Amino acid sequence: MPSFYRQLVPYGPPSFFEDTGLQEPAHHYQQPTKYSNQEITEKKIALIDFRLEKLMLIKVENPTREQQDQIQYYSDKFQEVKNVLLSIDRHFVETVQDSEDLDELQQVKLELLEFERKTCCEIV
């Protein structure tokens, strides 16, 4: 079963999409009125993924132009998901946004994945 948040993650660096016109502007995003628990969990995982990617790129000394573009790309994607999640779980968003500890973020991501796996596979 494909994850919704995987649709947000690019299949290449931002420079791959520059000339093809495949990227859609952020203002085209349509927010549904209600999300399922699975969609919320996937958005939380995406938020962590975007934060992790950005933090890893920021730690690079003398980043290239491509790395700077990637930082901006992950910042924009983080902001998109953050805007959706703020009304659902403000505390979670603030925790992820304020954290700069890669291990802590990775642990939260693993906990969310475990929670998603348990709830996905439960027999109702």
PDB file of N, CA and C in Angstrom:
ATOM      1  N   MET A   1       0.853  -1.166   0.000  1.00  0.00           N
ATOM      2  CA  MET A   1       0.000   0.000   0.000  1.00  0.00           C
ATOM      3  C   MET A   1       0.904   1.235   0.000  1.00  0.00           C
ATOM      4  N   PRO A   2       0.801   2.097  -1.030  1.00  0.00           N
ATOM      5  CA  PRO A   2       1.673   3.265  -1.090  1.00  0.00           C
ATOM      6  C   PRO A   2       1.287   4.288  -0.033  1.00  0.00           C
ATOM      7  N   SER A   3       2.271   4.919   0.529  1.00  0.00           N
ATOM      8  CA  SER A   3       2.042   5.928   1.556  1.00  0.00           C
ATOM      9  C   SER A   3       1.778   7.276   0.905  1.00  0.00           C
ATOM     10  N   PHE A   4       0.838   8.010   1.481  1.00  0.00           N
ATOM     11  CA  PHE A   4       0.504   9.329   0.963  1.00  0.00           C
ATOM     12  C   PHE A   4       1.707  10.266   1.028  1.00  0.00           C
ATOM     13  N   TYR A   5       2.473  10.202   2.120  1.00  0.00           N
ATOM     14  CA  TYR A   5       3.573  11.150   2.259  1.00  0.00           C
ATOM     15  C   TYR A   5       4.662  10.895   1.243  1.00  0.00           C
ATOM     16  N   ARG A   6       4.754   9.689   0.704  1.00  0.00           N
ATOM     17  CA  ARG A   6       5.752   9.408  -0.322  1.00  0.00           C
ATOM     18  C   ARG A   6       5.481  10.216  -1.587  1.00  0.00           C
ATOM     19  N   GLN A   7       4.231  10.622  -1.803  1.00  0.00           N
ATOM     20  CA  GLN A   7       3.915  11.456  -2.952  1.00  0.00           C
ATOM     21  C   GLN A   7       4.525  12.844  -2.793  1.00  0.00           C
ATOM     22  N   LEU A   8       4.798  13.243  -1.563  1.00  0.00           N
ATOM     23  CA  LEU A   8       5.378  14.550  -1.307  1.00  0.00           C
ATOM     24  C   LEU A   8       6.888  14.554  -1.480  1.00  0.00           C
ATOM     25  N   VAL A   9       7.505  13.388  -1.330  1.00  0.00           N
ATOM     26  CA  VAL A   9       8.952  13.287  -1.394  1.00  0.00           C
ATOM     27  C   VAL A   9       9.370  13.161  -2.853  1.00  0.00           C
ATOM     28  N   PRO A  10      10.307  13.977  -3.311  1.00  0.00           N
ATOM     29  CA  PRO A  10      10.705  13.937  -4.716  1.00  0.00           C
ATOM     30  C   PRO A  10      11.510  12.688  -5.036  1.00  0.00           C
ATOM     31  N   TYR A  11      11.539  12.346  -6.312  1.00  0.00           N
ATOM     32  CA  TYR A  11      12.346  11.222  -6.762  1.00  0.00           C
ATOM     33  C   TYR A  11      13.686  11.701  -7.284  1.00  0.00           C
ATOM     34  N   GLY A  12      14.080  12.860  -6.913  1.00  0.00           N
ATOM     35  CA  GLY A  12      15.365  13.413  -7.301  1.00  0.00           C
ATOM     36  C   GLY A  12      15.516  14.777  -6.662  1.00  0.00           C
ATOM     37  N   PRO A  13      16.703  15.348  -6.766  1.00  0.00           N
ATOM     38  CA  PRO A  13      16.924  16.665  -6.182  1.00  0.00           C
ATOM     39  C   PRO A  13      16.111  17.718  -6.935  1.00  0.00           C
ATOM     40  N   PRO A  14      15.864  18.862  -6.318  1.00  0.00           N
ATOM     41  CA  PRO A  14      15.065  19.903  -6.962  1.00  0.00           C
ATOM     42  C   PRO A  14      15.576  20.290  -8.343  1.00  0.00           C
ATOM     43  N   SER A  15      16.885  20.260  -8.553  1.00  0.00           N
ATOM     44  CA  SER A  15      17.424  20.636  -9.858  1.00  0.00           C
ATOM     45  C   SER A  15      16.947  19.688 -10.952  1.00  0.00           C
ATOM     46  N   PHE A  16      16.591  18.464 -10.600  1.00  0.00           N
ATOM     47  CA  PHE A  16      16.076  17.499 -11.569  1.00  0.00           C
ATOM     48  C   PHE A  16      14.760  17.983 -12.164  1.00  0.00           C
ATOM     49  N   PHE A  17      13.966  18.707 -11.377  1.00  0.00           N
ATOM     50  CA  PHE A  17      12.640  19.133 -11.800  1.00  0.00           C
ATOM     51  C   PHE A  17      12.616  20.528 -12.427  1.00  0.00           C
ATOM     52  N   GLU A  18      13.708  21.273 -12.335  1.00  0.00           N
ATOM     53  CA  GLU A  18      13.685  22.681 -12.726  1.00  0.00           C
ATOM     54  C   GLU A  18      13.213  22.914 -14.150  1.00  0.00           C
ATOM     55  N   ASP A  19      13.749  22.190 -15.113  1.00  0.00           N
ATOM     56  CA  ASP A  19      13.434  22.454 -16.510  1.00  0.00           C
ATOM     57  C   ASP A  19      12.232  21.684 -17.013  1.00  0.00           C
ATOM     58  N   THR A  20      11.725  20.741 -16.247  1.00  0.00           N
ATOM     59  CA  THR A  20      10.650  19.891 -16.736  1.00  0.00           C
ATOM     60  C   THR A  20       9.276  20.434 -16.411  1.00  0.00           C
ATOM     61  N   GLY A  21       9.180  21.354 -15.488  1.00  0.00           N
ATOM     62  CA  GLY A  21       7.882  21.899 -15.116  1.00  0.00           C
ATOM     63  C   GLY A  21       7.027  20.922 -14.331  1.00  0.00           C
ATOM     64  N   LEU A  22       7.639  19.905 -13.722  1.00  0.00           N
ATOM     65  CA  LEU A  22       6.884  18.903 -12.987  1.00  0.00           C
ATOM     66  C   LEU A  22       6.470  19.367 -11.599  1.00  0.00           C
ATOM     67  N   GLN A  23       7.187  20.315 -11.045  1.00  0.00           N
ATOM     68  CA  GLN A  23       6.841  20.783  -9.708  1.00  0.00           C
ATOM     69  C   GLN A  23       5.634  21.704  -9.788  1.00  0.00           C
ATOM     70  N   GLU A  24       4.706  21.524  -8.877  1.00  0.00           N
ATOM     71  CA  GLU A  24       3.552  22.408  -8.804  1.00  0.00           C
ATOM     72  C   GLU A  24       3.805  23.447  -7.724  1.00  0.00           C
ATOM     73  N   PRO A  25       3.362  24.660  -7.949  1.00  0.00           N
ATOM     74  CA  PRO A  25       3.516  25.679  -6.906  1.00  0.00           C
ATOM     75  C   PRO A  25       2.743  25.289  -5.651  1.00  0.00           C
ATOM     76  N   ALA A  26       3.230  25.750  -4.518  1.00  0.00           N
ATOM     77  CA  ALA A  26       2.622  25.397  -3.240  1.00  0.00           C
ATOM     78  C   ALA A  26       1.183  25.896  -3.137  1.00  0.00           C
ATOM     79  N   HIS A  27       0.840  26.963  -3.841  1.00  0.00           N
ATOM     80  CA  HIS A  27      -0.508  27.512  -3.701  1.00  0.00           C
ATOM     81  C   HIS A  27      -1.576  26.661  -4.380  1.00  0.00           C
ATOM     82  N   HIS A  28      -1.195  25.618  -5.121  1.00  0.00           N
ATOM     83  CA  HIS A  28      -2.169  24.725  -5.742  1.00  0.00           C
ATOM     84  C   HIS A  28      -2.641  23.636  -4.791  1.00  0.00           C
ATOM     85  N   TYR A  29      -2.056  23.563  -3.627  1.00  0.00           N
ATOM     86  CA  TYR A  29      -2.402  22.505  -2.677  1.00  0.00           C
ATOM     87  C   TYR A  29      -3.826  22.707  -2.173  1.00  0.00           C
ATOM     88  N   GLN A  30      -4.649  21.681  -2.270  1.00  0.00           N
ATOM     89  CA  GLN A  30      -6.018  21.728  -1.774  1.00  0.00           C
ATOM     90  C   GLN A  30      -6.096  20.905  -0.498  1.00  0.00           C
ATOM     91  N   GLN A  31      -6.454  21.531   0.584  1.00  0.00           N
ATOM     92  CA  GLN A  31      -6.515  20.838   1.865  1.00  0.00           C
ATOM     93  C   GLN A  31      -7.898  20.221   2.057  1.00  0.00           C
ATOM     94  N   PRO A  32      -7.951  18.891   2.201  1.00  0.00           N
ATOM     95  CA  PRO A  32      -9.241  18.268   2.509  1.00  0.00           C
ATOM     96  C   PRO A  32      -9.715  18.720   3.889  1.00  0.00           C
ATOM     97  N   THR A  33     -11.004  18.605   4.116  1.00  0.00           N
ATOM     98  CA  THR A  33     -11.550  19.093   5.372  1.00  0.00           C
ATOM     99  C   THR A  33     -11.272  18.154   6.533  1.00  0.00           C
ATOM    100  N   LYS A  34     -11.145  16.859   6.265  1.00  0.00           N
ATOM    101  CA  LYS A  34     -10.911  15.910   7.353  1.00  0.00           C
ATOM    102  C   LYS A  34      -9.939  14.833   6.884  1.00  0.00           C
ATOM    103  N   TYR A  35      -9.032  14.463   7.769  1.00  0.00           N
ATOM    104  CA  TYR A  35      -8.036  13.445   7.455  1.00  0.00           C
ATOM    105  C   TYR A  35      -8.274  12.218   8.314  1.00  0.00           C
ATOM    106  N   SER A  36      -7.970  11.066   7.751  1.00  0.00           N
ATOM    107  CA  SER A  36      -8.033   9.836   8.535  1.00  0.00           C
ATOM    108  C   SER A  36      -6.814   9.790   9.453  1.00  0.00           C
ATOM    109  N   ASN A  37      -6.855   8.911  10.437  1.00  0.00           N
ATOM    110  CA  ASN A  37      -5.707   8.759  11.341  1.00  0.00           C
ATOM    111  C   ASN A  37      -4.460   8.350  10.576  1.00  0.00           C
ATOM    112  N   GLN A  38      -4.618   7.505   9.574  1.00  0.00           N
ATOM    113  CA  GLN A  38      -3.471   7.067   8.780  1.00  0.00           C
ATOM    114  C   GLN A  38      -2.865   8.245   8.017  1.00  0.00           C
ATOM    115  N   GLU A  39      -3.703   9.097   7.437  1.00  0.00           N
ATOM    116  CA  GLU A  39      -3.198  10.259   6.710  1.00  0.00           C
ATOM    117  C   GLU A  39      -2.480  11.226   7.648  1.00  0.00           C
ATOM    118  N   ILE A  40      -3.002  11.397   8.836  1.00  0.00           N
ATOM    119  CA  ILE A  40      -2.357  12.277   9.814  1.00  0.00           C
ATOM    120  C   ILE A  40      -0.992  11.716  10.203  1.00  0.00           C
ATOM    121  N   THR A  41      -0.937  10.408  10.442  1.00  0.00           N
ATOM    122  CA  THR A  41       0.340   9.774  10.784  1.00  0.00           C
ATOM    123  C   THR A  41       1.336   9.929   9.642  1.00  0.00           C
ATOM    124  N   GLU A  42       0.882   9.740   8.409  1.00  0.00           N
ATOM    125  CA  GLU A  42       1.770   9.884   7.253  1.00  0.00           C
ATOM    126  C   GLU A  42       2.271  11.316   7.115  1.00  0.00           C
ATOM    127  N   LYS A  43       1.429  12.279   7.402  1.00  0.00           N
ATOM    128  CA  LYS A  43       1.853  13.678   7.345  1.00  0.00           C
ATOM    129  C   LYS A  43       2.874  13.983   8.442  1.00  0.00           C
ATOM    130  N   LYS A  44       2.694  13.392   9.606  1.00  0.00           N
ATOM    131  CA  LYS A  44       3.667  13.577  10.687  1.00  0.00           C
ATOM    132  C   LYS A  44       5.017  12.983  10.295  1.00  0.00           C
ATOM    133  N   ILE A  45       4.995  11.815   9.676  1.00  0.00           N
ATOM    134  CA  ILE A  45       6.238  11.185   9.218  1.00  0.00           C
ATOM    135  C   ILE A  45       6.897  12.054   8.151  1.00  0.00           C
ATOM    136  N   ALA A  46       6.094  12.589   7.233  1.00  0.00           N
ATOM    137  CA  ALA A  46       6.633  13.469   6.193  1.00  0.00           C
ATOM    138  C   ALA A  46       7.264  14.710   6.810  1.00  0.00           C
ATOM    139  N   LEU A  47       6.612  15.278   7.819  1.00  0.00           N
ATOM    140  CA  LEU A  47       7.140  16.458   8.497  1.00  0.00           C
ATOM    141  C   LEU A  47       8.523  16.159   9.077  1.00  0.00           C
ATOM    142  N   ILE A  48       8.647  15.006   9.716  1.00  0.00           N
ATOM    143  CA  ILE A  48       9.938  14.607  10.287  1.00  0.00           C
ATOM    144  C   ILE A  48      10.962  14.382   9.182  1.00  0.00           C
ATOM    145  N   ASP A  49      10.560  13.700   8.101  1.00  0.00           N
ATOM    146  CA  ASP A  49      11.484  13.451   6.986  1.00  0.00           C
ATOM    147  C   ASP A  49      12.027  14.753   6.407  1.00  0.00           C
ATOM    148  N   PHE A  50      11.147  15.713   6.179  1.00  0.00           N
ATOM    149  CA  PHE A  50      11.586  16.987   5.613  1.00  0.00           C
ATOM    150  C   PHE A  50      12.515  17.721   6.571  1.00  0.00           C
ATOM    151  N   ARG A  51      12.228  17.645   7.853  1.00  0.00           N
ATOM    152  CA  ARG A  51      13.086  18.291   8.858  1.00  0.00           C
ATOM    153  C   ARG A  51      14.460  17.610   8.900  1.00  0.00           C
ATOM    154  N   LEU A  52      14.468  16.276   8.882  1.00  0.00           N
ATOM    155  CA  LEU A  52      15.733  15.535   8.897  1.00  0.00           C
ATOM    156  C   LEU A  52      16.590  15.879   7.679  1.00  0.00           C
ATOM    157  N   GLU A  53      15.975  15.875   6.504  1.00  0.00           N
ATOM    158  CA  GLU A  53      16.719  16.189   5.275  1.00  0.00           C
ATOM    159  C   GLU A  53      17.321  17.587   5.349  1.00  0.00           C
ATOM    160  N   LYS A  54      16.527  18.533   5.794  1.00  0.00           N
ATOM    161  CA  LYS A  54      17.012  19.913   5.886  1.00  0.00           C
ATOM    162  C   LYS A  54      18.158  20.023   6.889  1.00  0.00           C
ATOM    163  N   LEU A  55      18.006  19.402   8.052  1.00  0.00           N
ATOM    164  CA  LEU A  55      19.058  19.474   9.071  1.00  0.00           C
ATOM    165  C   LEU A  55      20.361  18.856   8.582  1.00  0.00           C
ATOM    166  N   MET A  56      20.263  17.741   7.859  1.00  0.00           N
ATOM    167  CA  MET A  56      21.482  17.101   7.349  1.00  0.00           C
ATOM    168  C   MET A  56      22.170  17.989   6.317  1.00  0.00           C
ATOM    169  N   LEU A  57      21.393  18.659   5.486  1.00  0.00           N
ATOM    170  CA  LEU A  57      21.983  19.537   4.474  1.00  0.00           C
ATOM    171  C   LEU A  57      22.572  20.801   5.085  1.00  0.00           C
ATOM    172  N   ILE A  58      21.946  21.301   6.142  1.00  0.00           N
ATOM    173  CA  ILE A  58      22.437  22.521   6.787  1.00  0.00           C
ATOM    174  C   ILE A  58      23.810  22.289   7.409  1.00  0.00           C
ATOM    175  N   LYS A  59      24.080  21.067   7.839  1.00  0.00           N
ATOM    176  CA  LYS A  59      25.349  20.763   8.507  1.00  0.00           C
ATOM    177  C   LYS A  59      26.531  20.715   7.541  1.00  0.00           C
ATOM    178  N   VAL A  60      26.259  20.733   6.242  1.00  0.00           N
ATOM    179  CA  VAL A  60      27.328  20.693   5.243  1.00  0.00           C
ATOM    180  C   VAL A  60      28.023  22.051   5.205  1.00  0.00           C
ATOM    181  N   GLU A  61      29.357  22.018   5.294  1.00  0.00           N
ATOM    182  CA  GLU A  61      30.115  23.261   5.198  1.00  0.00           C
ATOM    183  C   GLU A  61      30.232  23.647   3.731  1.00  0.00           C
ATOM    184  N   ASN A  62      30.089  24.923   3.448  1.00  0.00           N
ATOM    185  CA  ASN A  62      30.166  25.447   2.085  1.00  0.00           C
ATOM    186  C   ASN A  62      29.258  24.675   1.129  1.00  0.00           C
ATOM    187  N   PRO A  63      27.942  24.740   1.334  1.00  0.00           N
ATOM    188  CA  PRO A  63      27.025  23.996   0.468  1.00  0.00           C
ATOM    189  C   PRO A  63      27.062  24.504  -0.974  1.00  0.00           C
ATOM    190  N   THR A  64      26.887  23.583  -1.900  1.00  0.00           N
ATOM    191  CA  THR A  64      26.831  23.934  -3.315  1.00  0.00           C
ATOM    192  C   THR A  64      25.490  24.600  -3.610  1.00  0.00           C
ATOM    193  N   ARG A  65      25.358  25.114  -4.800  1.00  0.00           N
ATOM    194  CA  ARG A  65      24.084  25.742  -5.217  1.00  0.00           C
ATOM    195  C   ARG A  65      22.962  24.706  -5.190  1.00  0.00           C
ATOM    196  N   GLU A  66      23.273  23.499  -5.625  1.00  0.00           N
ATOM    197  CA  GLU A  66      22.275  22.428  -5.623  1.00  0.00           C
ATOM    198  C   GLU A  66      21.824  22.103  -4.195  1.00  0.00           C
ATOM    199  N   GLN A  67      22.773  22.057  -3.261  1.00  0.00           N
ATOM    200  CA  GLN A  67      22.424  21.788  -1.864  1.00  0.00           C
ATOM    201  C   GLN A  67      21.593  22.928  -1.279  1.00  0.00           C
ATOM    202  N   GLN A  68      21.895  24.156  -1.657  1.00  0.00           N
ATOM    203  CA  GLN A  68      21.096  25.288  -1.200  1.00  0.00           C
ATOM    204  C   GLN A  68      19.670  25.189  -1.746  1.00  0.00           C
ATOM    205  N   ASP A  69      19.548  24.751  -3.006  1.00  0.00           N
ATOM    206  CA  ASP A  69      18.218  24.549  -3.595  1.00  0.00           C
ATOM    207  C   ASP A  69      17.463  23.451  -2.861  1.00  0.00           C
ATOM    208  N   GLN A  70      18.179  22.395  -2.484  1.00  0.00           N
ATOM    209  CA  GLN A  70      17.552  21.302  -1.746  1.00  0.00           C
ATOM    210  C   GLN A  70      17.081  21.777  -0.370  1.00  0.00           C
ATOM    211  N   ILE A  71      17.890  22.584   0.295  1.00  0.00           N
ATOM    212  CA  ILE A  71      17.503  23.130   1.600  1.00  0.00           C
ATOM    213  C   ILE A  71      16.211  23.933   1.453  1.00  0.00           C
ATOM    214  N   GLN A  72      16.154  24.764   0.426  1.00  0.00           N
ATOM    215  CA  GLN A  72      14.948  25.564   0.197  1.00  0.00           C
ATOM    216  C   GLN A  72      13.752  24.673  -0.123  1.00  0.00           C
ATOM    217  N   TYR A  73      13.981  23.641  -0.929  1.00  0.00           N
ATOM    218  CA  TYR A  73      12.905  22.714  -1.294  1.00  0.00           C
ATOM    219  C   TYR A  73      12.334  22.030  -0.053  1.00  0.00           C
ATOM    220  N   TYR A  74      13.215  21.482   0.800  1.00  0.00           N
ATOM    221  CA  TYR A  74      12.747  20.793   2.000  1.00  0.00           C
ATOM    222  C   TYR A  74      12.110  21.769   2.987  1.00  0.00           C
ATOM    223  N   SER A  75      12.584  22.995   3.026  1.00  0.00           N
ATOM    224  CA  SER A  75      11.954  24.014   3.874  1.00  0.00           C
ATOM    225  C   SER A  75      10.535  24.303   3.399  1.00  0.00           C
ATOM    226  N   ASP A  76      10.366  24.425   2.091  1.00  0.00           N
ATOM    227  CA  ASP A  76       9.036  24.691   1.530  1.00  0.00           C
ATOM    228  C   ASP A  76       8.082  23.531   1.788  1.00  0.00           C
ATOM    229  N   LYS A  77       8.551  22.305   1.574  1.00  0.00           N
ATOM    230  CA  LYS A  77       7.705  21.130   1.800  1.00  0.00           C
ATOM    231  C   LYS A  77       7.359  20.998   3.285  1.00  0.00           C
ATOM    232  N   PHE A  78       8.334  21.267   4.147  1.00  0.00           N
ATOM    233  CA  PHE A  78       8.082  21.245   5.589  1.00  0.00           C
ATOM    234  C   PHE A  78       6.969  22.236   5.927  1.00  0.00           C
ATOM    235  N   GLN A  79       7.054  23.432   5.363  1.00  0.00           N
ATOM    236  CA  GLN A  79       6.064  24.472   5.638  1.00  0.00           C
ATOM    237  C   GLN A  79       4.672  24.049   5.170  1.00  0.00           C
ATOM    238  N   GLU A  80       4.575  23.408   4.008  1.00  0.00           N
ATOM    239  CA  GLU A  80       3.285  22.938   3.500  1.00  0.00           C
ATOM    240  C   GLU A  80       2.633  21.950   4.467  1.00  0.00           C
ATOM    241  N   VAL A  81       3.405  20.947   4.882  1.00  0.00           N
ATOM    242  CA  VAL A  81       2.860  19.926   5.780  1.00  0.00           C
ATOM    243  C   VAL A  81       2.583  20.532   7.153  1.00  0.00           C
ATOM    244  N   LYS A  82       3.458  21.417   7.591  1.00  0.00           N
ATOM    245  CA  LYS A  82       3.275  22.088   8.885  1.00  0.00           C
ATOM    246  C   LYS A  82       1.949  22.844   8.914  1.00  0.00           C
ATOM    247  N   ASN A  83       1.632  23.549   7.842  1.00  0.00           N
ATOM    248  CA  ASN A  83       0.386  24.317   7.782  1.00  0.00           C
ATOM    249  C   ASN A  83      -0.836  23.419   7.914  1.00  0.00           C
ATOM    250  N   VAL A  84      -0.761  22.221   7.370  1.00  0.00           N
ATOM    251  CA  VAL A  84      -1.873  21.279   7.475  1.00  0.00           C
ATOM    252  C   VAL A  84      -1.985  20.742   8.899  1.00  0.00           C
ATOM    253  N   LEU A  85      -0.842  20.400   9.496  1.00  0.00           N
ATOM    254  CA  LEU A  85      -0.851  19.756  10.811  1.00  0.00           C
ATOM    255  C   LEU A  85      -1.056  20.713  11.986  1.00  0.00           C
ATOM    256  N   LEU A  86      -0.827  21.994  11.790  1.00  0.00           N
ATOM    257  CA  LEU A  86      -0.940  22.942  12.907  1.00  0.00           C
ATOM    258  C   LEU A  86      -2.306  22.895  13.576  1.00  0.00           C
ATOM    259  N   SER A  87      -3.354  22.778  12.800  1.00  0.00           N
ATOM    260  CA  SER A  87      -4.697  22.758  13.386  1.00  0.00           C
ATOM    261  C   SER A  87      -5.037  21.399  13.991  1.00  0.00           C
ATOM    262  N   ILE A  88      -4.279  20.378  13.632  1.00  0.00           N
ATOM    263  CA  ILE A  88      -4.550  19.021  14.115  1.00  0.00           C
ATOM    264  C   ILE A  88      -3.739  18.705  15.366  1.00  0.00           C
ATOM    265  N   ASP A  89      -2.441  19.022  15.340  1.00  0.00           N
ATOM    266  CA  ASP A  89      -1.560  18.684  16.465  1.00  0.00           C
ATOM    267  C   ASP A  89      -0.436  19.718  16.571  1.00  0.00           C
ATOM    268  N   ARG A  90      -0.766  20.874  17.098  1.00  0.00           N
ATOM    269  CA  ARG A  90       0.187  21.988  17.206  1.00  0.00           C
ATOM    270  C   ARG A  90       1.427  21.602  18.019  1.00  0.00           C
ATOM    271  N   HIS A  91       1.236  20.875  19.119  1.00  0.00           N
ATOM    272  CA  HIS A  91       2.364  20.492  19.975  1.00  0.00           C
ATOM    273  C   HIS A  91       3.368  19.640  19.200  1.00  0.00           C
ATOM    274  N   PHE A  92       2.884  18.680  18.430  1.00  0.00           N
ATOM    275  CA  PHE A  92       3.774  17.826  17.640  1.00  0.00           C
ATOM    276  C   PHE A  92       4.575  18.668  16.647  1.00  0.00           C
ATOM    277  N   VAL A  93       3.904  19.567  15.947  1.00  0.00           N
ATOM    278  CA  VAL A  93       4.570  20.415  14.953  1.00  0.00           C
ATOM    279  C   VAL A  93       5.652  21.257  15.614  1.00  0.00           C
ATOM    280  N   GLU A  94       5.334  21.857  16.740  1.00  0.00           N
ATOM    281  CA  GLU A  94       6.308  22.699  17.438  1.00  0.00           C
ATOM    282  C   GLU A  94       7.497  21.885  17.929  1.00  0.00           C
ATOM    283  N   THR A  95       7.238  20.660  18.391  1.00  0.00           N
ATOM    284  CA  THR A  95       8.318  19.791  18.856  1.00  0.00           C
ATOM    285  C   THR A  95       9.273  19.462  17.714  1.00  0.00           C
ATOM    286  N   VAL A  96       8.722  19.083  16.571  1.00  0.00           N
ATOM    287  CA  VAL A  96       9.557  18.736  15.411  1.00  0.00           C
ATOM    288  C   VAL A  96      10.300  19.969  14.913  1.00  0.00           C
ATOM    289  N   GLN A  97       9.614  21.084  14.848  1.00  0.00           N
ATOM    290  CA  GLN A  97      10.215  22.314  14.340  1.00  0.00           C
ATOM    291  C   GLN A  97      11.362  22.790  15.226  1.00  0.00           C
ATOM    292  N   ASP A  98      11.228  22.637  16.528  1.00  0.00           N
ATOM    293  CA  ASP A  98      12.244  23.124  17.462  1.00  0.00           C
ATOM    294  C   ASP A  98      13.413  22.163  17.640  1.00  0.00           C
ATOM    295  N   SER A  99      13.218  20.907  17.287  1.00  0.00           N
ATOM    296  CA  SER A  99      14.262  19.908  17.503  1.00  0.00           C
ATOM    297  C   SER A  99      15.358  20.005  16.441  1.00  0.00           C
ATOM    298  N   GLU A 100      16.592  19.898  16.896  1.00  0.00           N
ATOM    299  CA  GLU A 100      17.726  19.849  15.981  1.00  0.00           C
ATOM    300  C   GLU A 100      18.531  18.576  16.189  1.00  0.00           C
ATOM    301  N   ASP A 101      18.019  17.681  17.011  1.00  0.00           N
ATOM    302  CA  ASP A 101      18.672  16.413  17.315  1.00  0.00           C
ATOM    303  C   ASP A 101      18.193  15.350  16.326  1.00  0.00           C
ATOM    304  N   LEU A 102      19.082  14.929  15.435  1.00  0.00           N
ATOM    305  CA  LEU A 102      18.721  13.953  14.405  1.00  0.00           C
ATOM    306  C   LEU A 102      18.261  12.634  15.008  1.00  0.00           C
ATOM    307  N   ASP A 103      18.931  12.196  16.068  1.00  0.00           N
ATOM    308  CA  ASP A 103      18.567  10.921  16.698  1.00  0.00           C
ATOM    309  C   ASP A 103      17.175  10.987  17.324  1.00  0.00           C
ATOM    310  N   GLU A 104      16.875  12.098  17.958  1.00  0.00           N
ATOM    311  CA  GLU A 104      15.558  12.265  18.576  1.00  0.00           C
ATOM    312  C   GLU A 104      14.456  12.250  17.511  1.00  0.00           C
ATOM    313  N   LEU A 105      14.681  12.964  16.426  1.00  0.00           N
ATOM    314  CA  LEU A 105      13.694  12.987  15.342  1.00  0.00           C
ATOM    315  C   LEU A 105      13.524  11.601  14.723  1.00  0.00           C
ATOM    316  N   GLN A 106      14.631  10.909  14.553  1.00  0.00           N
ATOM    317  CA  GLN A 106      14.571   9.558  13.989  1.00  0.00           C
ATOM    318  C   GLN A 106      13.791   8.627  14.917  1.00  0.00           C
ATOM    319  N   GLN A 107      13.970   8.776  16.218  1.00  0.00           N
ATOM    320  CA  GLN A 107      13.249   7.949  17.187  1.00  0.00           C
ATOM    321  C   GLN A 107      11.746   8.212  17.123  1.00  0.00           C
ATOM    322  N   VAL A 108      11.370   9.477  17.031  1.00  0.00           N
ATOM    323  CA  VAL A 108       9.948   9.823  16.916  1.00  0.00           C
ATOM    324  C   VAL A 108       9.374   9.233  15.630  1.00  0.00           C
ATOM    325  N   LYS A 109      10.136   9.299  14.562  1.00  0.00           N
ATOM    326  CA  LYS A 109       9.691   8.727  13.284  1.00  0.00           C
ATOM    327  C   LYS A 109       9.481   7.221  13.413  1.00  0.00           C
ATOM    328  N   LEU A 110      10.421   6.528  14.055  1.00  0.00           N
ATOM    329  CA  LEU A 110      10.290   5.080  14.245  1.00  0.00           C
ATOM    330  C   LEU A 110       9.061   4.738  15.079  1.00  0.00           C
ATOM    331  N   GLU A 111       8.795   5.539  16.111  1.00  0.00           N
ATOM    332  CA  GLU A 111       7.601   5.320  16.935  1.00  0.00           C
ATOM    333  C   GLU A 111       6.329   5.499  16.112  1.00  0.00           C
ATOM    334  N   LEU A 112       6.309   6.504  15.252  1.00  0.00           N
ATOM    335  CA  LEU A 112       5.141   6.718  14.391  1.00  0.00           C
ATOM    336  C   LEU A 112       4.964   5.570  13.400  1.00  0.00           C
ATOM    337  N   LEU A 113       6.071   5.100  12.837  1.00  0.00           N
ATOM    338  CA  LEU A 113       5.999   3.973  11.904  1.00  0.00           C
ATOM    339  C   LEU A 113       5.490   2.720  12.599  1.00  0.00           C
ATOM    340  N   GLU A 114       5.945   2.495  13.823  1.00  0.00           N
ATOM    341  CA  GLU A 114       5.484   1.339  14.597  1.00  0.00           C
ATOM    342  C   GLU A 114       3.994   1.471  14.910  1.00  0.00           C
ATOM    343  N   PHE A 115       3.575   2.670  15.291  1.00  0.00           N
ATOM    344  CA  PHE A 115       2.159   2.922  15.568  1.00  0.00           C
ATOM    345  C   PHE A 115       1.322   2.686  14.309  1.00  0.00           C
ATOM    346  N   GLU A 116       1.809   3.182  13.181  1.00  0.00           N
ATOM    347  CA  GLU A 116       1.090   3.005  11.912  1.00  0.00           C
ATOM    348  C   GLU A 116       0.995   1.527  11.546  1.00  0.00           C
ATOM    349  N   ARG A 117       2.081   0.801  11.765  1.00  0.00           N
ATOM    350  CA  ARG A 117       2.089  -0.628  11.451  1.00  0.00           C
ATOM    351  C   ARG A 117       1.087  -1.374  12.324  1.00  0.00           C
ATOM    352  N   LYS A 118       1.045  -1.036  13.603  1.00  0.00           N
ATOM    353  CA  LYS A 118       0.117  -1.709  14.522  1.00  0.00           C
ATOM    354  C   LYS A 118      -1.333  -1.411  14.170  1.00  0.00           C
ATOM    355  N   THR A 119      -1.636  -0.139  13.904  1.00  0.00           N
ATOM    356  CA  THR A 119      -3.021   0.224  13.607  1.00  0.00           C
ATOM    357  C   THR A 119      -3.448  -0.252  12.229  1.00  0.00           C
ATOM    358  N   CYS A 120      -2.513  -0.336  11.317  1.00  0.00           N
ATOM    359  CA  CYS A 120      -2.819  -0.797   9.961  1.00  0.00           C
ATOM    360  C   CYS A 120      -3.148  -2.283   9.956  1.00  0.00           C
ATOM    361  N   CYS A 121      -2.455  -3.036  10.771  1.00  0.00           N
ATOM    362  CA  CYS A 121      -2.576  -4.492  10.748  1.00  0.00           C
ATOM    363  C   CYS A 121      -3.555  -5.033  11.779  1.00  0.00           C
ATOM    364  N   GLU A 122      -4.194  -4.163  12.552  1.00  0.00           N
ATOM    365  CA  GLU A 122      -5.156  -4.627  13.551  1.00  0.00           C
ATOM    366  C   GLU A 122      -6.379  -5.215  12.872  1.00  0.00           C
ATOM    367  N   ILE A 123      -6.892  -6.278  13.440  1.00  0.00           N
ATOM    368  CA  ILE A 123      -8.127  -6.874  12.944  1.00  0.00           C
ATOM    369  C   ILE A 123      -9.266  -6.287  13.753  1.00  0.00           C
ATOM    370  N   VAL A 124     -10.175  -5.667  13.052  1.00  0.00           N
ATOM    371  CA  VAL A 124     -11.295  -4.995  13.729  1.00  0.00           C
ATOM    372  C   VAL A 124     -12.498  -5.887  13.727  1.00  0.00           C
TER     373      VAL A 124
END
